[in-house]
Amino acid sequence: MTAELPDVTLPEGEHCHTGHTLCMPEDSRKRAARRLAIARGHLDSIRRSLEDPDVYCVDVLRQIKAVQGALDGAAGVILRGHLEAHVATAATRGDEAEIVDELMEIFKYV
C-alpha cells in the first residue's frame, strides 16, 4: 500500500519544486503556525514570570521545556512537509544529490 502524497495547491505559475518554497498543505502550515503561537505564549509567560522575584526556578525551566517542545513540534510538521513534497519526489526530478546535501544540512539543526 502506497501512502498518498498531500495535495499542495500553489498560485498559478508557481511550482513546488522550482526554487526553495515552503511547499506544504495548508493544514500543515496551520498546525506549524499554531505550535509557534503556543511557543510564543509560553515565552511571553516566561518573560513575565522572570519579573517576579518569587518565581521558582523549576517552574521557569518547565516553561522553557514547553517552548522547546512546541518548537520541536513545529519543526517536525515542516520537516514532514519537506520530506513529502521534495524528498519523496527527488528521483522523478533528478535532483537527488541536491536533496541529500540539503537533508545533511537540515540534520545539523534537528
Protein backbone atom coordinates (compact mmCIF):
# COMPACT_ATOMS: atom_id res chain seq x y z
CA MET A 1 0.00 0.00 0.00
CA THR A 2 1.48 3.34 -1.05
CA ALA A 3 0.81 6.45 1.00
CA GLU A 4 -0.78 9.21 -0.99
CA LEU A 5 1.13 12.47 -1.01
CA PRO A 6 -0.80 15.53 0.16
CA ASP A 7 -2.34 17.88 -2.37
CA VAL A 8 -0.27 21.04 -2.40
CA THR A 9 -2.02 23.85 -4.24
CA LEU A 10 0.12 26.83 -5.19
CA PRO A 11 -0.78 30.02 -7.05
CA GLU A 12 -0.90 29.67 -10.83
CA GLY A 13 2.55 29.73 -12.36
CA GLU A 14 4.29 28.56 -9.18
CA HIS A 15 5.59 25.04 -8.91
CA CYS A 16 6.51 23.31 -5.71
CA HIS A 17 9.85 22.06 -6.96
CA THR A 18 11.21 25.18 -8.62
CA GLY A 19 13.29 27.16 -6.22
CA HIS A 20 13.06 26.98 -2.47
CA THR A 21 9.45 27.42 -1.42
CA LEU A 22 7.55 26.35 1.68
CA CYS A 23 5.64 23.71 -0.20
CA MET A 24 3.23 22.05 2.16
CA PRO A 25 -0.50 21.57 2.56
CA GLU A 26 -2.47 24.38 4.17
CA ASP A 27 -3.43 22.23 7.16
CA SER A 28 0.26 21.56 7.86
CA ARG A 29 1.02 25.27 7.67
CA LYS A 30 -1.78 25.93 10.15
CA ARG A 31 -0.52 23.22 12.53
CA ALA A 32 3.02 24.62 12.42
CA ALA A 33 1.74 28.17 12.95
CA ARG A 34 -0.36 27.00 15.91
CA ARG A 35 2.63 25.35 17.54
CA LEU A 36 4.66 28.52 17.05
CA ALA A 37 1.87 30.58 18.61
CA ILE A 38 1.91 28.24 21.60
CA ALA A 39 5.68 28.70 21.88
CA ARG A 40 5.26 32.48 21.75
CA GLY A 41 2.66 32.34 24.51
CA HIS A 42 4.98 30.30 26.70
CA LEU A 43 7.87 32.68 26.00
CA ASP A 44 5.75 35.67 26.99
CA SER A 45 4.79 33.87 30.19
CA ILE A 46 8.44 33.11 30.96
CA ARG A 47 9.44 36.73 30.46
CA ARG A 48 6.66 37.92 32.76
CA SER A 49 7.50 35.33 35.41
CA LEU A 50 11.13 36.44 35.49
CA GLU A 51 9.94 39.85 36.67
CA ASP A 52 8.52 38.16 39.78
CA PRO A 53 11.19 37.94 42.49
CA ASP A 54 9.40 34.93 43.96
CA VAL A 55 9.37 32.84 40.79
CA TYR A 56 10.61 29.31 41.34
CA CYS A 57 13.47 28.27 39.03
CA VAL A 58 11.99 24.85 38.33
CA ASP A 59 8.75 26.46 37.12
CA VAL A 60 10.74 28.59 34.68
CA LEU A 61 12.65 25.53 33.46
CA ARG A 62 9.36 23.69 32.87
CA GLN A 63 8.08 26.60 30.81
CA ILE A 64 11.30 26.64 28.78
CA LYS A 65 10.91 22.92 28.14
CA ALA A 66 7.35 23.55 26.93
CA VAL A 67 8.66 26.14 24.46
CA GLN A 68 11.25 23.68 23.19
CA GLY A 69 8.53 21.06 22.74
CA ALA A 70 6.32 23.46 20.78
CA LEU A 71 9.26 24.45 18.56
CA ASP A 72 10.20 20.80 18.00
CA GLY A 73 6.60 20.08 17.05
CA ALA A 74 6.55 22.91 14.51
CA ALA A 75 9.87 21.74 13.08
CA GLY A 76 8.50 18.20 12.76
CA VAL A 77 5.46 19.39 10.83
CA ILE A 78 7.62 21.43 8.46
CA LEU A 79 10.17 18.62 8.05
CA ARG A 80 7.40 16.15 7.19
CA GLY A 81 6.07 18.57 4.58
CA HIS A 82 9.55 18.89 3.09
CA LEU A 83 10.02 15.14 3.00
CA GLU A 84 6.66 14.57 1.35
CA ALA A 85 6.85 17.42 -1.15
CA HIS A 86 10.53 17.50 -2.05
CA VAL A 87 12.41 14.41 -0.92
CA ALA A 88 9.88 11.78 -1.98
CA THR A 89 9.83 13.22 -5.49
CA ALA A 90 13.56 13.95 -5.95
CA ALA A 91 14.23 10.88 -8.11
CA THR A 92 11.47 11.91 -10.51
CA ARG A 93 13.02 15.36 -10.90
CA GLY A 94 16.60 14.09 -10.96
CA ASP A 95 17.87 16.27 -8.13
CA GLU A 96 18.63 13.53 -5.60
CA ALA A 97 22.17 14.75 -4.89
CA GLU A 98 21.00 18.28 -4.13
CA ILE A 99 18.23 16.98 -1.86
CA VAL A 100 20.66 14.68 0.00
CA ASP A 101 23.01 17.64 0.58
CA GLU A 102 20.08 19.70 1.78
CA LEU A 103 19.00 16.97 4.21
CA MET A 104 22.51 16.66 5.60
CA GLU A 105 22.43 20.40 6.26
CA ILE A 106 19.00 20.15 7.91
CA PHE A 107 20.12 17.38 10.24
CA LYS A 108 22.74 19.69 11.71
CA TYR A 109 19.88 21.61 13.27
CA VAL A 110 17.28 18.98 14.21
